[in-house]
Amino acid sequence: MRAVVQRVSEAAVVVDGQEISRIGTGLLVLLGVETGDTEKEMAFLADKIINLRIFPDEAGKMNRSVSEIGGEILAVSQFTIVGDCRKGRRPSYSGASPPDRARDLCDLFNKEIRGRGIEVKTGEFQAMMKVSLINDGPVTLLLDSRKRF
């Protein structure tokens, strides 16, 4: 699984002209599921994301996690994150997980984070979404469960 994690002061998702989700201070997580990903990869990313120390402490240093600041997470499934752009000019999505499996792992990811007491809002799976955010910092990180060592 891959994730683009952005520290935000706010973020929202609009589908068909209607806002379906909005958060204040926290993390926008764009989540991509690859063929072969399992609950193990999902659990690794969920744990890594909620424990990333990327929010400022009282000295202004990035030393606090989203859970420590009482922040929220907006999790948006985005298969394009697993696109392969190495050949040609059109990304290949052959490595993306089939939709049913991707939906299951995204749902488990959200459940895992909620189970740790963090508010999670979501996009709409397989919908055309407009995602807006105010990136705070800016702070943007790329995580890949297959590149953890």
N, C-alpha and C. Protein backbone atom coordinates (compact mmCIF):
# COMPACT_ATOMS: atom_id res chain seq x y z
N MET A 1 0.85 -1.18 0.00
CA MET A 1 0.00 0.00 0.00
C MET A 1 0.89 1.24 0.00
N ARG A 2 0.38 2.26 -0.64
CA ARG A 2 1.09 3.53 -0.66
C ARG A 2 0.16 4.62 -0.12
N ALA A 3 0.78 5.62 0.49
CA ALA A 3 0.00 6.74 1.01
C ALA A 3 0.76 8.04 0.80
N VAL A 4 0.03 9.06 0.43
CA VAL A 4 0.53 10.42 0.44
C VAL A 4 -0.14 11.05 1.66
N VAL A 5 0.68 11.50 2.60
CA VAL A 5 0.17 12.05 3.85
C VAL A 5 0.51 13.54 3.88
N GLN A 6 -0.51 14.36 4.07
CA GLN A 6 -0.31 15.80 4.13
C GLN A 6 -0.85 16.35 5.44
N ARG A 7 -0.01 17.12 6.11
CA ARG A 7 -0.46 17.81 7.32
C ARG A 7 -1.29 19.00 6.87
N VAL A 8 -2.52 19.08 7.36
CA VAL A 8 -3.43 20.12 6.90
C VAL A 8 -4.03 20.92 8.05
N SER A 9 -4.40 22.15 7.74
CA SER A 9 -5.19 22.92 8.70
C SER A 9 -6.68 22.72 8.40
N GLU A 10 -6.97 22.27 7.17
CA GLU A 10 -8.32 21.83 6.82
C GLU A 10 -8.27 21.10 5.49
N ALA A 11 -9.26 20.24 5.27
CA ALA A 11 -9.38 19.50 4.01
C ALA A 11 -10.83 19.08 3.84
N ALA A 12 -11.24 18.92 2.58
CA ALA A 12 -12.63 18.55 2.31
C ALA A 12 -12.71 17.76 1.01
N VAL A 13 -13.81 17.01 0.87
CA VAL A 13 -14.10 16.25 -0.34
C VAL A 13 -15.49 16.62 -0.82
N VAL A 14 -15.58 16.89 -2.13
CA VAL A 14 -16.85 17.20 -2.78
C VAL A 14 -17.10 16.16 -3.86
N VAL A 15 -18.33 15.62 -3.89
CA VAL A 15 -18.76 14.67 -4.92
C VAL A 15 -20.06 15.19 -5.50
N ASP A 16 -20.13 15.29 -6.82
CA ASP A 16 -21.33 15.78 -7.51
C ASP A 16 -21.81 17.13 -6.95
N GLY A 17 -20.87 18.00 -6.66
CA GLY A 17 -21.20 19.34 -6.18
C GLY A 17 -21.59 19.43 -4.71
N GLN A 18 -21.57 18.31 -4.00
CA GLN A 18 -21.95 18.29 -2.58
C GLN A 18 -20.75 17.91 -1.72
N GLU A 19 -20.51 18.71 -0.69
CA GLU A 19 -19.43 18.37 0.24
C GLU A 19 -19.86 17.15 1.05
N ILE A 20 -19.01 16.10 1.05
CA ILE A 20 -19.36 14.88 1.78
C ILE A 20 -18.50 14.70 3.03
N SER A 21 -17.34 15.36 3.08
CA SER A 21 -16.45 15.24 4.24
C SER A 21 -15.64 16.51 4.40
N ARG A 22 -15.33 16.82 5.66
CA ARG A 22 -14.48 17.98 5.98
C ARG A 22 -13.81 17.72 7.32
N ILE A 23 -12.53 18.08 7.39
CA ILE A 23 -11.82 18.02 8.66
C ILE A 23 -11.13 19.36 8.90
N GLY A 24 -10.78 19.58 10.16
CA GLY A 24 -9.94 20.70 10.52
C GLY A 24 -8.51 20.22 10.61
N THR A 25 -7.79 20.63 11.63
CA THR A 25 -6.39 20.26 11.78
C THR A 25 -6.23 18.75 11.82
N GLY A 26 -5.31 18.25 11.01
CA GLY A 26 -5.06 16.82 10.99
C GLY A 26 -4.29 16.40 9.77
N LEU A 27 -4.66 15.24 9.22
CA LEU A 27 -3.96 14.66 8.09
C LEU A 27 -4.92 14.32 6.97
N LEU A 28 -4.53 14.68 5.75
CA LEU A 28 -5.19 14.17 4.56
C LEU A 28 -4.35 13.00 4.10
N VAL A 29 -4.98 11.84 3.99
CA VAL A 29 -4.27 10.63 3.56
C VAL A 29 -4.88 10.15 2.25
N LEU A 30 -4.08 10.18 1.19
CA LEU A 30 -4.47 9.62 -0.10
C LEU A 30 -3.90 8.21 -0.13
N LEU A 31 -4.77 7.23 -0.24
CA LEU A 31 -4.38 5.83 -0.03
C LEU A 31 -4.54 5.02 -1.30
N GLY A 32 -3.47 4.33 -1.71
CA GLY A 32 -3.50 3.46 -2.88
C GLY A 32 -3.19 2.02 -2.49
N VAL A 33 -3.99 1.10 -3.01
CA VAL A 33 -3.84 -0.32 -2.69
C VAL A 33 -3.30 -1.04 -3.92
N GLU A 34 -2.24 -1.83 -3.71
CA GLU A 34 -1.62 -2.58 -4.79
C GLU A 34 -2.04 -4.05 -4.75
N THR A 35 -1.99 -4.69 -5.91
CA THR A 35 -2.27 -6.12 -5.97
C THR A 35 -1.34 -6.84 -5.00
N GLY A 36 -1.89 -7.72 -4.21
CA GLY A 36 -1.10 -8.49 -3.26
C GLY A 36 -1.05 -7.88 -1.87
N ASP A 37 -1.53 -6.66 -1.71
CA ASP A 37 -1.55 -6.05 -0.38
C ASP A 37 -2.49 -6.83 0.53
N THR A 38 -2.11 -6.90 1.80
CA THR A 38 -2.88 -7.65 2.79
C THR A 38 -3.15 -6.77 4.01
N GLU A 39 -3.78 -7.37 4.99
CA GLU A 39 -4.03 -6.67 6.25
C GLU A 39 -2.72 -6.26 6.93
N LYS A 40 -1.66 -6.99 6.65
CA LYS A 40 -0.35 -6.66 7.24
C LYS A 40 0.13 -5.30 6.74
N GLU A 41 0.05 -5.05 5.44
CA GLU A 41 0.45 -3.76 4.88
C GLU A 41 -0.45 -2.64 5.40
N MET A 42 -1.76 -2.93 5.48
CA MET A 42 -2.72 -1.94 5.96
C MET A 42 -2.40 -1.55 7.40
N ALA A 43 -2.14 -2.54 8.26
CA ALA A 43 -1.86 -2.27 9.67
C ALA A 43 -0.56 -1.48 9.82
N PHE A 44 0.44 -1.81 9.00
CA PHE A 44 1.70 -1.08 9.05
C PHE A 44 1.48 0.40 8.75
N LEU A 45 0.76 0.69 7.65
CA LEU A 45 0.53 2.08 7.26
C LEU A 45 -0.32 2.82 8.29
N ALA A 46 -1.36 2.18 8.78
CA ALA A 46 -2.22 2.83 9.78
C ALA A 46 -1.40 3.21 11.01
N ASP A 47 -0.60 2.29 11.50
CA ASP A 47 0.22 2.55 12.68
C ASP A 47 1.24 3.66 12.40
N LYS A 48 1.89 3.58 11.26
CA LYS A 48 2.90 4.58 10.90
C LYS A 48 2.27 5.98 10.82
N ILE A 49 1.12 6.07 10.17
CA ILE A 49 0.47 7.36 9.96
C ILE A 49 0.01 7.99 11.27
N ILE A 50 -0.62 7.22 12.12
CA ILE A 50 -1.13 7.83 13.36
C ILE A 50 -0.02 8.17 14.35
N ASN A 51 1.15 7.60 14.15
CA ASN A 51 2.26 7.88 15.06
C ASN A 51 3.34 8.79 14.48
N LEU A 52 3.15 9.26 13.23
CA LEU A 52 4.12 10.19 12.65
C LEU A 52 4.19 11.45 13.50
N ARG A 53 5.37 11.83 13.90
CA ARG A 53 5.55 13.03 14.72
C ARG A 53 5.84 14.21 13.78
N ILE A 54 4.76 14.77 13.24
CA ILE A 54 4.91 15.84 12.25
C ILE A 54 4.14 17.11 12.63
N PHE A 55 3.61 17.15 13.84
CA PHE A 55 2.94 18.35 14.32
C PHE A 55 3.83 19.03 15.35
N PRO A 56 3.80 20.36 15.40
CA PRO A 56 4.71 21.08 16.29
C PRO A 56 4.38 20.90 17.77
N ASP A 57 5.44 20.83 18.56
CA ASP A 57 5.28 20.85 20.01
C ASP A 57 5.35 22.30 20.48
N GLU A 58 5.42 22.51 21.79
CA GLU A 58 5.43 23.87 22.31
C GLU A 58 6.67 24.66 21.90
N ALA A 59 7.73 23.97 21.50
CA ALA A 59 8.95 24.64 21.03
C ALA A 59 8.94 24.84 19.51
N GLY A 60 7.86 24.41 18.85
CA GLY A 60 7.76 24.58 17.41
C GLY A 60 8.42 23.48 16.60
N LYS A 61 8.93 22.44 17.26
CA LYS A 61 9.57 21.33 16.55
C LYS A 61 8.53 20.26 16.22
N MET A 62 8.70 19.63 15.05
CA MET A 62 7.79 18.55 14.68
C MET A 62 8.06 17.36 15.60
N ASN A 63 7.20 17.23 16.60
CA ASN A 63 7.45 16.24 17.64
C ASN A 63 6.17 15.60 18.18
N ARG A 64 5.02 15.92 17.58
CA ARG A 64 3.75 15.38 18.08
C ARG A 64 2.99 14.70 16.94
N SER A 65 2.24 13.68 17.29
CA SER A 65 1.45 12.92 16.31
C SER A 65 0.03 13.47 16.22
N VAL A 66 -0.70 13.02 15.22
CA VAL A 66 -2.09 13.44 15.05
C VAL A 66 -2.92 13.06 16.26
N SER A 67 -2.64 11.93 16.87
CA SER A 67 -3.41 11.54 18.05
C SER A 67 -3.07 12.43 19.24
N GLU A 68 -1.82 12.84 19.36
CA GLU A 68 -1.42 13.69 20.48
C GLU A 68 -2.03 15.09 20.41
N ILE A 69 -2.31 15.56 19.20
CA ILE A 69 -2.89 16.90 19.08
C ILE A 69 -4.41 16.87 19.00
N GLY A 70 -5.00 15.68 19.01
CA GLY A 70 -6.45 15.56 18.89
C GLY A 70 -6.94 15.88 17.49
N GLY A 71 -6.10 15.62 16.48
CA GLY A 71 -6.44 15.92 15.10
C GLY A 71 -7.31 14.85 14.46
N GLU A 72 -7.75 15.15 13.26
CA GLU A 72 -8.61 14.24 12.50
C GLU A 72 -7.85 13.74 11.28
N ILE A 73 -8.40 12.71 10.66
CA ILE A 73 -7.84 12.19 9.41
C ILE A 73 -8.94 12.15 8.36
N LEU A 74 -8.61 12.64 7.18
CA LEU A 74 -9.48 12.50 6.01
C LEU A 74 -8.78 11.50 5.09
N ALA A 75 -9.35 10.30 4.99
CA ALA A 75 -8.76 9.22 4.19
C ALA A 75 -9.50 9.10 2.87
N VAL A 76 -8.75 9.23 1.77
CA VAL A 76 -9.33 9.21 0.44
C VAL A 76 -8.63 8.13 -0.38
N SER A 77 -9.40 7.15 -0.84
CA SER A 77 -8.86 6.11 -1.70
C SER A 77 -8.50 6.73 -3.04
N GLN A 78 -7.28 6.42 -3.53
CA GLN A 78 -6.85 7.00 -4.80
C GLN A 78 -5.92 6.01 -5.50
N PHE A 79 -6.48 5.25 -6.45
CA PHE A 79 -5.70 4.21 -7.13
C PHE A 79 -4.55 4.78 -7.95
N THR A 80 -4.63 6.05 -8.34
CA THR A 80 -3.58 6.61 -9.19
C THR A 80 -2.24 6.69 -8.46
N ILE A 81 -2.25 6.60 -7.15
CA ILE A 81 -1.00 6.64 -6.39
C ILE A 81 -0.12 5.43 -6.72
N VAL A 82 -0.72 4.34 -7.14
CA VAL A 82 0.07 3.15 -7.46
C VAL A 82 0.40 3.09 -8.96
N GLY A 83 0.12 4.17 -9.66
CA GLY A 83 0.45 4.23 -11.09
C GLY A 83 1.95 4.14 -11.32
N ASP A 84 2.32 3.47 -12.39
CA ASP A 84 3.72 3.30 -12.76
C ASP A 84 4.00 4.18 -13.97
N CYS A 85 4.87 5.16 -13.79
CA CYS A 85 5.17 6.13 -14.85
C CYS A 85 6.54 5.93 -15.48
N ARG A 86 7.15 4.78 -15.25
CA ARG A 86 8.51 4.57 -15.74
C ARG A 86 8.60 4.43 -17.25
N LYS A 87 7.57 3.90 -17.89
CA LYS A 87 7.62 3.68 -19.34
C LYS A 87 6.58 4.57 -20.02
N GLY A 88 6.98 5.16 -21.10
CA GLY A 88 6.04 5.95 -21.89
C GLY A 88 5.55 7.19 -21.16
N ARG A 89 4.41 7.68 -21.63
CA ARG A 89 3.85 8.91 -21.07
C ARG A 89 2.51 8.69 -20.40
N ARG A 90 1.95 7.52 -20.54
CA ARG A 90 0.68 7.22 -19.90
C ARG A 90 0.94 6.26 -18.73
N PRO A 91 0.53 6.64 -17.53
CA PRO A 91 0.76 5.75 -16.38
C PRO A 91 0.06 4.41 -16.56
N SER A 92 0.69 3.37 -16.06
CA SER A 92 0.09 2.04 -16.04
C SER A 92 -0.47 1.79 -14.65
N TYR A 93 -1.69 1.29 -14.60
CA TYR A 93 -2.32 0.99 -13.32
C TYR A 93 -2.48 -0.52 -13.13
N SER A 94 -1.69 -1.29 -13.85
CA SER A 94 -1.80 -2.75 -13.78
C SER A 94 -1.47 -3.28 -12.39
N GLY A 95 -0.72 -2.53 -11.61
CA GLY A 95 -0.37 -2.96 -10.26
C GLY A 95 -1.41 -2.61 -9.20
N ALA A 96 -2.45 -1.89 -9.61
CA ALA A 96 -3.50 -1.51 -8.66
C ALA A 96 -4.35 -2.72 -8.31
N SER A 97 -4.75 -2.78 -7.07
CA SER A 97 -5.59 -3.87 -6.60
C SER A 97 -6.97 -3.81 -7.26
N PRO A 98 -7.61 -4.96 -7.48
CA PRO A 98 -9.00 -4.94 -7.96
C PRO A 98 -9.86 -4.14 -6.97
N PRO A 99 -10.89 -3.46 -7.48
CA PRO A 99 -11.68 -2.56 -6.64
C PRO A 99 -12.26 -3.18 -5.37
N ASP A 100 -12.78 -4.39 -5.43
CA ASP A 100 -13.37 -4.99 -4.23
C ASP A 100 -12.35 -5.17 -3.12
N ARG A 101 -11.17 -5.64 -3.47
CA ARG A 101 -10.11 -5.84 -2.48
C ARG A 101 -9.63 -4.50 -1.95
N ALA A 102 -9.47 -3.53 -2.84
CA ALA A 102 -9.02 -2.19 -2.42
C ALA A 102 -10.03 -1.58 -1.45
N ARG A 103 -11.31 -1.71 -1.77
CA ARG A 103 -12.35 -1.17 -0.88
C ARG A 103 -12.26 -1.82 0.51
N ASP A 104 -12.10 -3.14 0.53
CA ASP A 104 -12.01 -3.85 1.82
C ASP A 104 -10.83 -3.34 2.64
N LEU A 105 -9.66 -3.19 2.01
CA LEU A 105 -8.48 -2.74 2.76
C LEU A 105 -8.60 -1.28 3.19
N CYS A 106 -9.21 -0.45 2.36
CA CYS A 106 -9.43 0.94 2.77
C CYS A 106 -10.39 1.01 3.95
N ASP A 107 -11.45 0.20 3.91
CA ASP A 107 -12.39 0.16 5.04
C ASP A 107 -11.70 -0.32 6.31
N LEU A 108 -10.85 -1.35 6.19
CA LEU A 108 -10.11 -1.84 7.35
C LEU A 108 -9.14 -0.79 7.88
N PHE A 109 -8.50 -0.05 6.99
CA PHE A 109 -7.60 1.04 7.37
C PHE A 109 -8.36 2.06 8.22
N ASN A 110 -9.53 2.48 7.75
CA ASN A 110 -10.33 3.45 8.50
C ASN A 110 -10.78 2.90 9.85
N LYS A 111 -11.17 1.65 9.86
CA LYS A 111 -11.61 1.00 11.10
C LYS A 111 -10.45 0.92 12.11
N GLU A 112 -9.27 0.59 11.61
CA GLU A 112 -8.08 0.49 12.47
C GLU A 112 -7.78 1.84 13.13
N ILE A 113 -7.85 2.90 12.37
CA ILE A 113 -7.56 4.23 12.91
C ILE A 113 -8.65 4.66 13.90
N ARG A 114 -9.91 4.43 13.55
CA ARG A 114 -11.01 4.76 14.47
C ARG A 114 -10.87 3.98 15.77
N GLY A 115 -10.42 2.74 15.66
CA GLY A 115 -10.24 1.90 16.84
C GLY A 115 -9.18 2.44 17.80
N ARG A 116 -8.37 3.34 17.31
CA ARG A 116 -7.34 3.97 18.15
C ARG A 116 -7.77 5.35 18.63
N GLY A 117 -9.07 5.64 18.47
CA GLY A 117 -9.63 6.86 19.01
C GLY A 117 -9.45 8.11 18.17
N ILE A 118 -9.15 7.96 16.89
CA ILE A 118 -8.96 9.11 16.02
C ILE A 118 -10.16 9.23 15.09
N GLU A 119 -10.69 10.43 14.98
CA GLU A 119 -11.81 10.70 14.07
C GLU A 119 -11.33 10.54 12.63
N VAL A 120 -12.04 9.73 11.84
CA VAL A 120 -11.72 9.52 10.43
C VAL A 120 -12.93 9.87 9.59
N LYS A 121 -12.70 10.70 8.61
CA LYS A 121 -13.71 10.98 7.60
C LYS A 121 -13.15 10.44 6.29
N THR A 122 -14.02 10.24 5.30
CA THR A 122 -13.56 9.58 4.08
C THR A 122 -14.10 10.27 2.83
N GLY A 123 -13.47 9.91 1.73
CA GLY A 123 -14.01 10.24 0.42
C GLY A 123 -15.04 9.19 0.06
N GLU A 124 -15.42 9.14 -1.21
CA GLU A 124 -16.36 8.12 -1.68
C GLU A 124 -15.63 7.22 -2.64
N PHE A 125 -15.55 5.94 -2.32
CA PHE A 125 -14.81 4.98 -3.11
C PHE A 125 -15.31 4.96 -4.54
N GLN A 126 -14.39 5.01 -5.50
CA GLN A 126 -14.63 4.96 -6.94
C GLN A 126 -15.46 6.13 -7.49
N ALA A 127 -15.59 7.20 -6.72
CA ALA A 127 -16.31 8.37 -7.21
C ALA A 127 -15.31 9.39 -7.76
N MET A 128 -15.79 10.25 -8.64
CA MET A 128 -15.00 11.38 -9.09
C MET A 128 -15.11 12.43 -7.99
N MET A 129 -13.98 12.73 -7.35
CA MET A 129 -13.99 13.62 -6.19
C MET A 129 -13.17 14.88 -6.46
N LYS A 130 -13.55 15.93 -5.80
CA LYS A 130 -12.75 17.15 -5.75
C LYS A 130 -12.26 17.26 -4.31
N VAL A 131 -10.95 17.17 -4.15
CA VAL A 131 -10.34 17.21 -2.82
C VAL A 131 -9.64 18.55 -2.67
N SER A 132 -9.99 19.27 -1.63
CA SER A 132 -9.33 20.55 -1.36
C SER A 132 -8.64 20.47 -0.02
N LEU A 133 -7.56 21.24 0.11
CA LEU A 133 -6.82 21.22 1.35
C LEU A 133 -6.01 22.48 1.51
N ILE A 134 -5.71 22.77 2.74
CA ILE A 134 -4.71 23.78 3.05
C ILE A 134 -3.59 23.01 3.74
N ASN A 135 -2.51 22.81 2.99
CA ASN A 135 -1.36 22.06 3.48
C ASN A 135 -0.63 22.95 4.46
N ASP A 136 -0.46 22.46 5.68
CA ASP A 136 0.14 23.23 6.76
C ASP A 136 1.63 22.95 6.81
N GLY A 137 2.43 23.90 6.44
CA GLY A 137 3.88 23.76 6.50
C GLY A 137 4.56 24.32 5.27
N PRO A 138 4.46 23.74 4.13
CA PRO A 138 3.77 22.49 3.81
C PRO A 138 4.54 21.26 4.31
N VAL A 139 3.78 20.26 4.70
CA VAL A 139 4.35 18.98 5.11
C VAL A 139 3.64 17.91 4.30
N THR A 140 4.40 17.19 3.47
CA THR A 140 3.87 16.11 2.65
C THR A 140 4.86 14.96 2.68
N LEU A 141 4.36 13.77 2.98
CA LEU A 141 5.21 12.59 3.07
C LEU A 141 4.66 11.47 2.20
N LEU A 142 5.56 10.67 1.64
CA LEU A 142 5.18 9.51 0.86
C LEU A 142 5.54 8.26 1.65
N LEU A 143 4.57 7.37 1.84
CA LEU A 143 4.80 6.12 2.56
C LEU A 143 4.48 4.95 1.65
N ASP A 144 5.27 3.91 1.75
CA ASP A 144 5.07 2.71 0.95
C ASP A 144 5.32 1.51 1.86
N SER A 145 4.30 0.70 2.07
CA SER A 145 4.42 -0.45 2.99
C SER A 145 5.45 -1.47 2.50
N ARG A 146 5.77 -1.44 1.23
CA ARG A 146 6.75 -2.39 0.69
C ARG A 146 8.18 -1.87 0.80
N LYS A 147 8.34 -0.64 1.26
CA LYS A 147 9.67 -0.06 1.41
C LYS A 147 9.89 0.36 2.85
N ARG A 148 9.64 -0.53 3.77
CA ARG A 148 9.73 -0.15 5.18
C ARG A 148 11.06 -0.47 5.84
N PHE A 149 11.92 -1.19 5.16
CA PHE A 149 13.22 -1.53 5.78
C PHE A 149 14.35 -1.01 4.94
